[in-house]
N, C-alpha and C. Protein backbone atom coordinates (compact mmCIF):
# COMPACT_ATOMS: atom_id res chain seq x y z
N UNK A 1 -3.83 15.10 5.32
CA UNK A 1 -2.42 14.94 5.17
C UNK A 1 -1.97 14.78 3.91
N UNK A 2 -1.20 15.29 3.33
CA UNK A 2 -0.47 15.14 2.03
C UNK A 2 0.70 14.33 1.86
N UNK A 3 0.75 13.10 1.35
CA UNK A 3 1.79 12.22 1.06
C UNK A 3 2.31 12.35 -0.48
N UNK A 4 3.08 13.05 -0.96
CA UNK A 4 3.60 13.06 -2.26
C UNK A 4 2.48 13.73 -2.93
N UNK A 5 1.69 13.17 -3.98
CA UNK A 5 0.59 13.91 -4.56
C UNK A 5 -0.64 13.62 -4.03
N UNK A 6 -0.72 12.71 -3.23
CA UNK A 6 -1.88 11.99 -2.58
C UNK A 6 -2.25 12.69 -1.38
N UNK A 7 -3.52 13.18 -1.28
CA UNK A 7 -4.10 13.97 0.06
C UNK A 7 -4.93 13.03 0.88
N UNK A 8 -4.65 12.67 1.98
CA UNK A 8 -5.65 11.82 2.73
C UNK A 8 -6.45 12.84 3.79
N UNK A 9 -7.86 12.38 3.76
CA UNK A 9 -8.66 13.25 4.94
C UNK A 9 -9.38 11.95 5.67
N UNK A 10 -9.13 12.51 6.92
CA UNK A 10 -9.59 11.67 8.09
C UNK A 10 -11.25 11.64 8.01
N UNK A 11 -11.95 10.52 8.28
CA UNK A 11 -13.33 10.51 8.21
C UNK A 11 -13.94 10.64 9.68
N UNK A 12 -13.04 10.36 10.61
CA UNK A 12 -13.26 10.67 11.87
C UNK A 12 -12.31 11.45 12.74
N UNK A 13 -12.16 11.40 14.05
CA UNK A 13 -11.19 12.08 14.76
C UNK A 13 -9.81 11.87 14.60
N UNK A 14 -9.78 10.39 14.19
CA UNK A 14 -8.43 9.93 13.92
C UNK A 14 -8.66 8.64 13.07
N UNK A 15 -7.80 8.55 12.03
CA UNK A 15 -8.02 7.46 10.95
C UNK A 15 -6.45 6.82 10.84
N UNK A 16 -6.69 5.51 10.16
CA UNK A 16 -5.46 4.68 10.03
C UNK A 16 -4.79 5.04 8.52
N UNK A 17 -3.55 5.18 8.37
CA UNK A 17 -2.83 5.37 7.33
C UNK A 17 -1.74 4.46 7.03
N UNK A 18 -1.50 4.16 5.71
CA UNK A 18 -0.50 3.32 5.27
C UNK A 18 0.29 3.69 3.94
N UNK A 19 1.63 4.07 4.35
CA UNK A 19 2.31 4.76 3.39
C UNK A 19 3.52 3.78 2.74
N UNK A 20 3.71 3.87 1.43
CA UNK A 20 5.02 3.21 0.75
C UNK A 20 5.88 4.29 0.43
N UNK A 21 7.02 3.95 0.72
CA UNK A 21 8.21 4.97 0.20
C UNK A 21 9.16 4.01 -0.69
N UNK A 22 9.84 4.31 -1.77
CA UNK A 22 10.81 3.81 -2.47
C UNK A 22 12.28 3.96 -1.64
N UNK A 23 13.05 3.05 -2.14
CA UNK A 23 14.55 3.03 -1.44
C UNK A 23 14.92 4.44 -1.22
N UNK A 24 14.69 5.20 -2.05
CA UNK A 24 15.21 6.71 -1.76
C UNK A 24 14.32 7.61 -0.74
N UNK A 25 13.37 7.14 -0.23
CA UNK A 25 12.54 7.76 0.54
C UNK A 25 11.45 8.62 -0.22
N UNK A 26 11.10 8.79 -1.34
CA UNK A 26 10.00 9.16 -1.88
C UNK A 26 8.95 8.36 -2.01
N UNK A 27 7.64 9.11 -1.93
CA UNK A 27 6.41 8.47 -1.81
C UNK A 27 5.97 7.62 -3.21
N UNK A 28 5.57 6.19 -2.86
CA UNK A 28 5.05 5.44 -3.97
C UNK A 28 3.44 5.74 -4.00
N UNK A 29 2.94 5.36 -2.60
CA UNK A 29 1.40 5.20 -2.66
C UNK A 29 1.10 5.51 -1.05
N UNK A 30 0.03 5.99 -0.90
CA UNK A 30 -0.75 6.36 0.67
C UNK A 30 -2.16 5.67 0.79
N UNK A 31 -2.67 5.26 1.59
CA UNK A 31 -3.79 4.89 1.63
C UNK A 31 -4.52 5.28 3.31
N UNK A 32 -5.76 5.42 3.24
CA UNK A 32 -6.08 5.80 4.64
C UNK A 32 -7.46 4.99 4.90
N UNK A 33 -7.83 4.49 6.26
CA UNK A 33 -8.95 3.63 6.72
C UNK A 33 -9.29 4.36 7.66
N UNK A 34 -10.63 4.28 7.81
CA UNK A 34 -11.50 4.64 9.09
C UNK A 34 -12.87 4.90 9.09
N UNK A 35 -13.41 5.16 10.27
CA UNK A 35 -14.75 5.57 10.16
C UNK A 35 -14.98 6.94 10.69
N UNK A 36 -16.31 7.20 11.55
CA UNK A 36 -16.32 8.46 12.13
C UNK A 36 -15.84 8.45 13.63
N UNK A 37 -15.25 7.61 14.14
CA UNK A 37 -14.60 7.63 15.42
C UNK A 37 -13.22 7.44 15.40
N UNK A 38 -12.45 7.08 16.43
CA UNK A 38 -11.16 7.14 16.55
C UNK A 38 -10.52 5.54 16.00
N UNK A 39 -9.66 5.63 15.14
CA UNK A 39 -9.14 4.35 14.54
C UNK A 39 -7.62 4.49 14.52
N UNK A 40 -6.82 3.45 14.76
CA UNK A 40 -5.32 3.77 14.96
C UNK A 40 -4.68 2.42 14.47
N UNK A 41 -3.73 2.55 13.68
CA UNK A 41 -2.92 1.58 13.34
C UNK A 41 -1.66 1.34 14.06
N UNK A 42 -1.13 0.45 14.64
CA UNK A 42 -0.07 -0.10 15.30
C UNK A 42 0.94 -0.69 14.88
N UNK A 43 0.86 -1.84 13.84
CA UNK A 43 1.87 -2.67 13.72
C UNK A 43 1.71 -2.92 12.03
N UNK A 44 2.89 -3.15 11.35
CA UNK A 44 3.01 -3.24 9.98
C UNK A 44 4.01 -4.31 9.65
N UNK A 45 3.87 -5.08 8.56
CA UNK A 45 4.59 -6.16 7.97
C UNK A 45 4.68 -6.04 6.44
N UNK A 46 5.72 -6.62 5.79
CA UNK A 46 5.58 -6.78 4.32
C UNK A 46 6.11 -8.15 3.96
N UNK A 47 5.48 -8.82 3.01
CA UNK A 47 5.93 -9.98 2.52
C UNK A 47 6.96 -9.90 1.27
N UNK A 48 7.32 -11.03 0.84
CA UNK A 48 8.42 -11.27 -0.19
C UNK A 48 7.87 -10.64 -1.46
N UNK A 49 6.38 -10.73 -1.71
CA UNK A 49 5.95 -10.16 -2.90
C UNK A 49 5.65 -8.68 -2.94
N UNK A 50 5.86 -8.03 -1.66
CA UNK A 50 5.83 -6.71 -1.62
C UNK A 50 4.45 -6.29 -1.07
N UNK A 51 3.34 -7.33 -0.77
CA UNK A 51 2.15 -6.91 -0.16
C UNK A 51 2.57 -6.67 1.11
N UNK A 52 1.49 -5.70 1.84
CA UNK A 52 1.87 -5.04 3.28
C UNK A 52 0.58 -5.40 3.91
N UNK A 53 0.84 -5.53 5.40
CA UNK A 53 -0.31 -5.79 6.13
C UNK A 53 -0.14 -5.07 7.43
N UNK A 54 -1.21 -4.68 7.98
CA UNK A 54 -1.43 -3.65 9.31
C UNK A 54 -2.43 -4.22 10.04
N UNK A 55 -2.21 -4.07 11.43
CA UNK A 55 -3.26 -4.13 12.49
C UNK A 55 -3.34 -3.03 13.33
N UNK A 56 -4.25 -2.87 14.32
CA UNK A 56 -4.74 -1.85 14.96
C UNK A 56 -5.89 -1.97 15.78
N UNK A 57 -6.67 -0.77 15.66
CA UNK A 57 -8.07 -1.03 16.10
C UNK A 57 -9.00 0.01 15.54
N UNK A 58 -10.19 -0.12 15.57
CA UNK A 58 -11.27 0.69 15.07
C UNK A 58 -12.54 0.55 15.97
N UNK A 59 -13.33 1.77 15.88
CA UNK A 59 -14.48 1.89 16.47
C UNK A 59 -15.75 2.07 15.43
N UNK A 60 -16.75 1.40 15.70
CA UNK A 60 -18.06 1.75 14.88
C UNK A 60 -17.73 0.78 13.52
N UNK A 61 -17.83 1.46 12.37
CA UNK A 61 -17.53 0.90 11.29
C UNK A 61 -16.31 1.52 10.42
N UNK A 62 -15.93 0.48 9.66
CA UNK A 62 -14.73 1.19 8.83
C UNK A 62 -14.67 0.21 7.47
N UNK A 63 -14.66 1.02 6.44
CA UNK A 63 -14.64 0.50 5.04
C UNK A 63 -13.11 0.18 4.30
N UNK A 64 -12.78 -1.00 4.15
CA UNK A 64 -11.73 -1.18 3.21
C UNK A 64 -11.72 -2.07 2.02
N UNK A 65 -11.74 -1.28 0.93
CA UNK A 65 -11.83 -1.57 -0.27
C UNK A 65 -13.32 -1.87 -0.39
N UNK A 66 -14.05 -3.14 -0.81
CA UNK A 66 -15.32 -3.69 -0.77
C UNK A 66 -15.71 -4.12 0.43
N UNK A 67 -14.88 -3.86 1.55
CA UNK A 67 -15.07 -4.75 2.82
C UNK A 67 -15.73 -3.55 3.96
N UNK A 68 -16.73 -3.91 4.46
CA UNK A 68 -17.08 -3.06 5.66
C UNK A 68 -16.86 -3.84 6.88
N UNK A 69 -16.13 -3.41 7.89
CA UNK A 69 -15.94 -3.92 8.98
C UNK A 69 -16.71 -3.25 9.94
N UNK A 70 -17.43 -3.90 10.97
CA UNK A 70 -18.43 -3.52 12.06
C UNK A 70 -17.69 -3.99 13.49
N UNK A 71 -17.46 -3.04 14.21
CA UNK A 71 -16.99 -3.64 15.60
C UNK A 71 -18.29 -4.05 16.49
N UNK A 72 -17.64 -5.10 17.26
CA UNK A 72 -18.72 -5.58 18.25
C UNK A 72 -18.71 -4.84 19.43
N UNK A 73 -17.61 -4.30 19.80
CA UNK A 73 -17.36 -3.57 21.04
C UNK A 73 -17.27 -2.20 20.97
N UNK A 74 -16.43 -1.72 22.25
CA UNK A 74 -15.97 -0.39 21.96
C UNK A 74 -14.94 0.02 20.86
N UNK A 75 -14.01 -1.01 21.02
CA UNK A 75 -13.15 -1.12 19.92
C UNK A 75 -12.66 -2.42 19.25
N UNK A 76 -12.52 -2.75 18.19
CA UNK A 76 -12.13 -3.90 17.83
C UNK A 76 -10.88 -3.83 17.05
N UNK A 77 -10.33 -5.19 16.78
CA UNK A 77 -9.06 -5.51 16.11
C UNK A 77 -9.24 -5.54 14.77
N UNK A 78 -8.37 -5.08 13.95
CA UNK A 78 -8.60 -5.26 12.39
C UNK A 78 -7.26 -5.78 11.94
N UNK A 79 -7.33 -6.46 10.98
CA UNK A 79 -6.13 -6.88 10.03
C UNK A 79 -6.27 -6.76 8.58
N UNK A 80 -5.31 -5.79 7.95
CA UNK A 80 -5.65 -5.48 6.59
C UNK A 80 -4.49 -5.84 5.93
N UNK A 81 -4.70 -6.41 4.39
CA UNK A 81 -3.81 -6.81 3.44
C UNK A 81 -3.98 -5.80 2.33
N UNK A 82 -2.80 -5.19 1.72
CA UNK A 82 -2.87 -4.47 0.81
C UNK A 82 -1.75 -4.97 -0.53
N UNK A 83 -2.23 -4.94 -1.56
CA UNK A 83 -1.13 -5.61 -2.66
C UNK A 83 0.02 -4.67 -3.02
N UNK A 84 0.91 -4.88 -3.95
CA UNK A 84 2.13 -4.39 -4.14
C UNK A 84 1.76 -2.91 -4.53
N UNK A 85 0.56 -2.32 -5.01
CA UNK A 85 0.41 -1.23 -5.39
C UNK A 85 -0.38 -0.33 -4.55
N UNK A 86 -0.77 -0.97 -3.41
CA UNK A 86 -1.53 -0.48 -2.22
C UNK A 86 -3.09 -0.49 -2.37
N UNK A 87 -3.51 -1.51 -2.92
CA UNK A 87 -4.86 -1.81 -3.35
C UNK A 87 -5.21 -2.93 -2.21
N UNK A 88 -6.31 -2.64 -1.51
CA UNK A 88 -7.07 -3.81 -0.47
C UNK A 88 -7.24 -5.11 -1.22
N UNK A 89 -6.54 -6.13 -0.59
CA UNK A 89 -6.92 -7.46 -0.95
C UNK A 89 -7.78 -8.08 0.14
N UNK A 90 -7.82 -7.90 1.23
CA UNK A 90 -8.71 -8.36 2.36
C UNK A 90 -8.56 -7.64 3.53
N UNK A 91 -9.64 -7.65 4.24
CA UNK A 91 -9.64 -6.94 5.62
C UNK A 91 -10.63 -7.96 6.35
N UNK A 92 -10.05 -8.01 7.70
CA UNK A 92 -10.73 -8.96 8.77
C UNK A 92 -10.94 -8.26 10.25
N UNK A 93 -11.88 -8.41 10.84
CA UNK A 93 -11.86 -7.73 12.30
C UNK A 93 -12.30 -8.92 13.14
N UNK A 94 -12.05 -8.49 14.45
CA UNK A 94 -12.19 -9.53 15.62
C UNK A 94 -12.13 -8.86 17.01
N UNK A 95 -13.40 -8.83 17.75
CA UNK A 95 -13.51 -8.61 18.96
C UNK A 95 -14.58 -8.86 19.86
N UNK A 96 -14.61 -8.44 21.14
CA UNK A 96 -15.66 -8.68 21.88
C UNK A 96 -16.69 -7.49 22.46
N UNK A 97 -17.34 -7.49 23.53
CA UNK A 97 -18.39 -6.42 23.52
C UNK A 97 -17.36 -5.16 24.46
N UNK A 98 -16.18 -5.25 24.49
CA UNK A 98 -15.45 -4.08 25.22
C UNK A 98 -14.37 -3.82 24.24
N UNK A 99 -13.10 -3.49 24.89
CA UNK A 99 -12.01 -2.80 24.17
C UNK A 99 -11.14 -4.06 23.65
N UNK A 100 -10.61 -4.11 22.56
CA UNK A 100 -9.83 -5.02 21.76
C UNK A 100 -8.88 -3.98 20.94
N UNK A 101 -7.55 -4.65 20.77
CA UNK A 101 -6.59 -3.81 20.17
C UNK A 101 -5.59 -4.69 19.69
N UNK A 102 -5.18 -4.58 18.45
CA UNK A 102 -4.05 -5.34 17.76
C UNK A 102 -2.75 -4.55 17.83
N UNK A 103 -1.70 -4.84 18.37
CA UNK A 103 -0.73 -4.14 18.33
C UNK A 103 0.70 -4.67 17.59
N UNK A 104 0.62 -5.71 16.97
CA UNK A 104 1.75 -6.16 16.04
C UNK A 104 1.34 -7.08 15.25
N UNK A 105 2.08 -7.28 13.97
CA UNK A 105 1.64 -8.34 13.13
C UNK A 105 3.03 -8.81 12.38
N UNK A 106 2.81 -9.91 11.92
CA UNK A 106 4.00 -10.69 11.25
C UNK A 106 3.63 -11.38 10.04
N UNK A 107 4.16 -11.88 9.09
CA UNK A 107 4.02 -12.47 7.93
C UNK A 107 4.90 -13.60 7.63
N UNK A 108 4.61 -14.94 7.18
CA UNK A 108 5.65 -15.92 6.88
C UNK A 108 5.79 -16.03 5.41
N UNK A 109 6.69 -16.94 4.77
CA UNK A 109 7.11 -17.13 3.59
C UNK A 109 5.68 -17.60 2.65
N UNK A 110 4.79 -18.05 3.14
CA UNK A 110 3.68 -18.48 2.74
C UNK A 110 2.52 -17.51 2.55
N UNK A 111 2.87 -16.39 3.11
CA UNK A 111 1.81 -15.57 3.08
C UNK A 111 0.85 -15.49 3.99
N UNK A 112 1.08 -16.33 5.16
CA UNK A 112 0.14 -16.33 6.44
C UNK A 112 0.65 -15.11 7.22
N UNK A 113 -0.35 -14.67 7.94
CA UNK A 113 -0.17 -13.16 8.54
C UNK A 113 -0.59 -13.83 10.32
N UNK A 114 0.14 -13.15 11.14
CA UNK A 114 0.00 -13.27 12.57
C UNK A 114 -0.14 -12.12 13.05
N UNK A 115 -1.07 -12.00 14.28
CA UNK A 115 -1.09 -10.78 15.06
C UNK A 115 -1.24 -11.07 16.64
N UNK A 116 -1.07 -10.19 17.33
CA UNK A 116 -1.13 -10.14 18.75
C UNK A 116 -1.50 -8.84 19.45
N UNK A 117 -2.04 -8.72 20.77
CA UNK A 117 -2.56 -7.59 21.39
C UNK A 117 -3.22 -8.08 22.55
N UNK A 118 -4.54 -7.39 22.66
CA UNK A 118 -5.06 -7.58 23.85
C UNK A 118 -6.98 -7.75 23.64
N UNK A 119 -7.41 -8.50 24.24
CA UNK A 119 -8.92 -8.61 24.19
C UNK A 119 -9.55 -8.46 25.67
N UNK A 120 -10.87 -8.30 25.53
CA UNK A 120 -11.50 -8.29 26.84
C UNK A 120 -12.91 -9.19 26.71
N UNK A 121 -13.18 -9.59 27.84
CA UNK A 121 -14.37 -10.79 27.64
C UNK A 121 -14.19 -11.78 26.67
N UNK A 122 -15.02 -12.06 25.73
CA UNK A 122 -14.97 -13.29 24.67
C UNK A 122 -14.79 -12.68 23.38
N UNK A 123 -13.99 -13.43 22.58
CA UNK A 123 -13.84 -12.93 21.12
C UNK A 123 -13.71 -14.21 20.29
N UNK A 124 -14.58 -14.07 19.40
CA UNK A 124 -14.86 -15.55 18.33
C UNK A 124 -13.84 -15.16 17.08
N UNK A 125 -12.99 -16.07 16.83
CA UNK A 125 -12.07 -15.99 15.61
C UNK A 125 -12.15 -17.49 14.75
N UNK A 126 -12.91 -17.31 13.64
CA UNK A 126 -13.46 -18.51 13.04
C UNK A 126 -14.20 -19.27 13.82
N UNK A 127 -13.76 -20.51 14.15
CA UNK A 127 -14.56 -21.38 14.86
C UNK A 127 -14.14 -21.39 16.44
N UNK A 128 -13.26 -20.65 16.59
CA UNK A 128 -12.44 -20.68 18.10
C UNK A 128 -13.29 -19.49 18.67
N UNK A 129 -13.73 -19.85 19.80
CA UNK A 129 -13.93 -18.57 21.13
C UNK A 129 -13.12 -18.47 22.09
N UNK A 130 -12.58 -17.47 22.24
CA UNK A 130 -11.19 -16.96 23.23
C UNK A 130 -12.17 -16.18 24.42
N UNK A 131 -11.64 -16.71 25.66
CA UNK A 131 -12.08 -15.82 26.84
C UNK A 131 -11.23 -15.52 27.68
N UNK A 132 -11.09 -14.00 27.96
CA UNK A 132 -10.28 -13.51 28.91
C UNK A 132 -10.60 -13.79 30.25
N UNK A 133 -9.45 -14.29 30.85
CA UNK A 133 -9.62 -14.55 32.35
C UNK A 133 -9.91 -13.32 33.27
N UNK A 134 -9.07 -12.50 32.89
CA UNK A 134 -8.93 -11.37 33.49
C UNK A 134 -9.35 -9.95 33.11
N UNK A 135 -9.05 -8.67 33.32
CA UNK A 135 -9.57 -7.52 32.72
C UNK A 135 -9.18 -7.85 31.30
N UNK A 136 -7.90 -8.32 30.95
CA UNK A 136 -7.74 -8.28 29.64
C UNK A 136 -6.80 -9.48 29.22
N UNK A 137 -6.88 -10.05 28.14
CA UNK A 137 -6.21 -11.46 27.79
C UNK A 137 -5.43 -11.13 26.56
N UNK A 138 -4.32 -11.89 26.37
CA UNK A 138 -3.47 -12.02 25.18
C UNK A 138 -3.83 -12.60 24.17
N UNK A 139 -3.71 -12.66 23.09
CA UNK A 139 -4.41 -13.38 21.79
C UNK A 139 -3.11 -13.39 20.83
N UNK A 140 -3.21 -14.60 20.14
CA UNK A 140 -2.49 -14.87 18.94
C UNK A 140 -3.44 -15.22 18.08
N UNK A 141 -3.42 -14.80 16.71
CA UNK A 141 -4.30 -15.32 15.81
C UNK A 141 -3.44 -15.39 14.32
N UNK A 142 -3.74 -16.41 13.82
CA UNK A 142 -3.05 -16.93 12.57
C UNK A 142 -4.23 -16.73 11.37
N UNK A 143 -3.84 -16.12 10.21
CA UNK A 143 -4.73 -16.20 9.04
C UNK A 143 -4.06 -16.50 7.96
N UNK A 144 -4.69 -17.58 6.93
CA UNK A 144 -4.03 -17.74 5.90
C UNK A 144 -3.77 -16.79 4.86
N UNK A 145 -3.40 -17.09 3.52
CA UNK A 145 -3.06 -16.06 2.44
C UNK A 145 -4.19 -15.30 2.06
N UNK A 146 -5.29 -16.01 2.22
CA UNK A 146 -6.63 -15.40 1.95
C UNK A 146 -7.31 -14.72 3.02
N UNK A 147 -6.73 -14.74 4.12
CA UNK A 147 -7.39 -13.81 5.20
C UNK A 147 -8.09 -14.69 6.06
N UNK A 148 -8.34 -15.90 6.05
CA UNK A 148 -9.26 -16.66 6.66
C UNK A 148 -8.47 -17.23 7.63
N UNK A 149 -9.26 -17.26 9.09
CA UNK A 149 -8.53 -17.65 10.25
C UNK A 149 -8.15 -19.14 10.16
N UNK A 150 -6.72 -19.53 10.59
CA UNK A 150 -6.29 -20.85 10.95
C UNK A 150 -6.42 -21.34 12.20
N UNK A 151 -5.83 -20.35 13.26
CA UNK A 151 -6.07 -20.74 14.45
C UNK A 151 -5.96 -19.38 15.29
N UNK A 152 -6.36 -19.66 16.68
CA UNK A 152 -6.32 -18.34 17.64
C UNK A 152 -6.04 -18.94 18.85
N UNK A 153 -5.16 -18.21 19.71
CA UNK A 153 -4.86 -18.77 21.14
C UNK A 153 -5.01 -17.63 22.12
N UNK A 154 -5.34 -18.10 23.41
CA UNK A 154 -5.56 -16.61 24.38
C UNK A 154 -4.55 -17.26 25.45
N UNK A 155 -4.27 -16.21 26.36
CA UNK A 155 -3.23 -16.58 27.33
C UNK A 155 -3.60 -15.57 28.25
N UNK A 156 -3.52 -15.57 29.67
CA UNK A 156 -3.53 -14.76 30.71
C UNK A 156 -4.16 -15.11 32.02
N UNK A 157 -3.88 -14.40 33.05
CA UNK A 157 -4.44 -14.71 34.38
C UNK A 157 -5.68 -13.95 34.70
N UNK A 158 -5.58 -13.53 36.07
CA UNK A 158 -6.69 -13.06 36.63
C UNK A 158 -6.62 -11.34 36.46
N UNK A 159 -5.73 -10.73 35.96
CA UNK A 159 -5.23 -9.40 35.90
C UNK A 159 -5.24 -8.77 34.45
N UNK A 160 -4.51 -7.89 34.08
CA UNK A 160 -4.24 -7.03 32.92
C UNK A 160 -3.30 -7.62 32.29
N UNK A 161 -3.37 -8.38 30.97
CA UNK A 161 -2.26 -9.10 30.35
C UNK A 161 -2.38 -8.56 28.81
N UNK A 162 -1.12 -8.33 28.31
CA UNK A 162 -1.14 -7.64 26.75
C UNK A 162 -0.02 -8.07 26.12
N UNK A 163 -0.36 -8.61 24.75
CA UNK A 163 0.51 -9.15 23.94
C UNK A 163 1.03 -7.89 22.95
N UNK A 164 2.47 -7.73 23.03
CA UNK A 164 2.80 -6.23 22.26
C UNK A 164 3.68 -6.47 21.15
N UNK A 165 4.50 -7.64 20.99
CA UNK A 165 5.33 -8.04 19.68
C UNK A 165 5.03 -9.40 19.38
N UNK A 166 5.08 -9.53 17.99
CA UNK A 166 4.98 -10.93 17.46
C UNK A 166 6.16 -11.28 16.23
N UNK A 167 6.68 -12.22 16.02
CA UNK A 167 7.34 -12.60 15.05
C UNK A 167 7.02 -14.22 14.46
N UNK A 168 7.45 -14.43 13.40
CA UNK A 168 7.40 -16.01 13.00
C UNK A 168 8.79 -16.39 12.26
N UNK A 169 9.15 -17.42 12.54
CA UNK A 169 10.51 -18.07 11.91
C UNK A 169 10.22 -18.90 10.46
N UNK A 170 11.13 -19.19 9.94
CA UNK A 170 11.14 -19.89 8.77
C UNK A 170 10.23 -21.38 8.76
N UNK A 171 10.29 -21.82 9.99
CA UNK A 171 9.40 -23.04 10.01
C UNK A 171 7.97 -22.78 10.05
N UNK A 172 7.59 -21.57 10.46
CA UNK A 172 6.31 -21.21 10.75
C UNK A 172 5.83 -21.27 12.35
N UNK A 173 6.78 -21.49 12.99
CA UNK A 173 6.72 -21.40 14.56
C UNK A 173 6.51 -19.72 14.80
N UNK A 174 5.72 -19.35 15.74
CA UNK A 174 5.40 -17.97 16.02
C UNK A 174 5.60 -17.73 17.44
N UNK A 175 6.04 -16.63 17.71
CA UNK A 175 6.41 -15.97 18.75
C UNK A 175 5.82 -14.62 19.30
N UNK A 176 5.62 -14.68 20.61
CA UNK A 176 5.14 -13.32 21.23
C UNK A 176 5.56 -12.92 22.38
N UNK A 177 5.69 -11.30 22.72
CA UNK A 177 6.37 -11.03 24.08
C UNK A 177 5.21 -9.87 24.19
N UNK A 178 5.20 -9.73 25.68
CA UNK A 178 4.57 -8.63 26.15
C UNK A 178 4.59 -8.62 27.54
N UNK A 179 3.43 -8.23 28.39
CA UNK A 179 3.22 -8.22 29.80
C UNK A 179 2.31 -9.04 30.57
N UNK A 180 2.63 -9.35 31.62
CA UNK A 180 1.33 -10.16 32.58
C UNK A 180 1.43 -9.62 33.97
N UNK A 181 0.51 -9.71 34.76
CA UNK A 181 0.63 -9.46 36.09
C UNK A 181 0.08 -10.72 36.81
N UNK A 182 0.57 -10.95 38.00
CA UNK A 182 0.18 -12.14 38.93
C UNK A 182 0.53 -13.43 38.17
N UNK A 183 -0.14 -14.31 37.84
CA UNK A 183 0.08 -15.53 37.18
C UNK A 183 -0.33 -15.77 35.96
N UNK A 184 0.33 -16.63 35.07
CA UNK A 184 -0.14 -17.01 33.68
C UNK A 184 0.03 -18.24 33.46
N UNK A 185 -0.74 -19.17 32.94
CA UNK A 185 -0.56 -20.44 32.56
C UNK A 185 -0.36 -20.84 31.08
N UNK A 186 0.83 -21.22 30.56
CA UNK A 186 0.88 -21.43 29.21
C UNK A 186 1.17 -22.80 28.96
N UNK A 187 0.18 -23.69 28.25
CA UNK A 187 0.43 -24.82 28.14
C UNK A 187 0.62 -25.51 29.57
N UNK A 188 1.67 -26.05 29.84
CA UNK A 188 1.95 -27.00 31.20
C UNK A 188 2.83 -26.18 31.97
N UNK A 189 3.28 -24.72 31.56
CA UNK A 189 4.23 -23.74 32.31
C UNK A 189 3.49 -22.80 33.14
N UNK A 190 3.43 -22.84 34.17
CA UNK A 190 2.97 -21.37 35.09
C UNK A 190 3.75 -20.69 35.32
N UNK A 191 3.70 -19.14 34.76
CA UNK A 191 4.45 -17.98 35.01
C UNK A 191 4.00 -17.30 36.33
N UNK A 192 4.70 -16.88 36.91
CA UNK A 192 4.37 -15.83 38.18
C UNK A 192 5.33 -14.81 38.03
N UNK A 193 4.48 -13.46 37.92
CA UNK A 193 5.21 -12.01 38.06
C UNK A 193 6.11 -11.73 39.34
N UNK A 194 7.06 -11.37 39.31
CA UNK A 194 7.82 -11.09 40.41
C UNK A 194 7.44 -9.49 40.93
N UNK A 195 7.28 -8.59 39.90
CA UNK A 195 6.67 -7.39 40.10
C UNK A 195 5.21 -7.17 39.79
N UNK A 196 5.05 -5.93 39.67
CA UNK A 196 3.65 -5.51 39.23
C UNK A 196 3.12 -6.17 37.63
N UNK A 197 4.33 -6.22 36.94
CA UNK A 197 3.95 -6.56 35.60
C UNK A 197 5.52 -7.44 35.25
N UNK A 198 5.43 -8.53 34.80
CA UNK A 198 6.60 -8.96 34.06
C UNK A 198 6.47 -9.18 32.55
N UNK A 199 7.54 -9.40 31.97
CA UNK A 199 7.58 -9.79 30.77
C UNK A 199 7.63 -11.31 30.32
N UNK A 200 6.94 -11.61 29.37
CA UNK A 200 6.83 -12.93 28.92
C UNK A 200 7.28 -13.25 27.58
N UNK A 201 7.64 -14.39 27.29
CA UNK A 201 7.77 -14.74 25.87
C UNK A 201 7.34 -16.27 25.44
N UNK A 202 6.42 -16.44 24.55
CA UNK A 202 5.78 -17.64 24.10
C UNK A 202 6.21 -17.87 22.77
N UNK A 203 6.41 -19.33 22.61
CA UNK A 203 6.44 -19.77 21.24
C UNK A 203 5.28 -21.05 20.97
N UNK A 204 4.86 -20.53 19.74
CA UNK A 204 3.75 -21.71 19.44
C UNK A 204 4.24 -22.40 18.14
N UNK A 205 4.02 -23.76 18.11
CA UNK A 205 4.53 -24.47 16.92
C UNK A 205 3.43 -24.14 15.77
N UNK A 206 3.80 -24.75 14.58
CA UNK A 206 2.99 -24.07 13.41
C UNK A 206 1.70 -24.42 13.46
């Protein structure tokens, strides 16, 4: 794929790309990342300094700058930060032994980043181990400015549950939405789906 004067070449069947355009829609830079398998980017965010962030999933291994990520399962979640000029700042990956995917990402005023999606089995983020109760669980992860884990939370019931969107407000509270089946407990609140799948919204404090 050619973006302006930059030609990107996929290393596998599908690779991740990030493109920056100026206010007139002209390409400024383009980057790609991926290994020899299928890798996809789903969410993107930009902070006040012009650094950009993305999340999605990858299979096998993937190199981002000087960092090589290796998936624990079939697919793992990645989070990548690029600077104003499109150079890698940091990259992180998380996942268990099965399929894990990141769907959305947000960034706050301090440069901390947040992501949501789904995971299967167990997943370790920093010192926190998350366990999906059903076939897939919802996760929320916060990383600090340097890409290190601050906290991680998981939610879900005995079925298939996924986080699809995430946002953060000026006070650092984070919000996620997606879908769940059957029942799900969040703190002291018990949610029950009326249909096959219902929408949820969750707010976490800073």
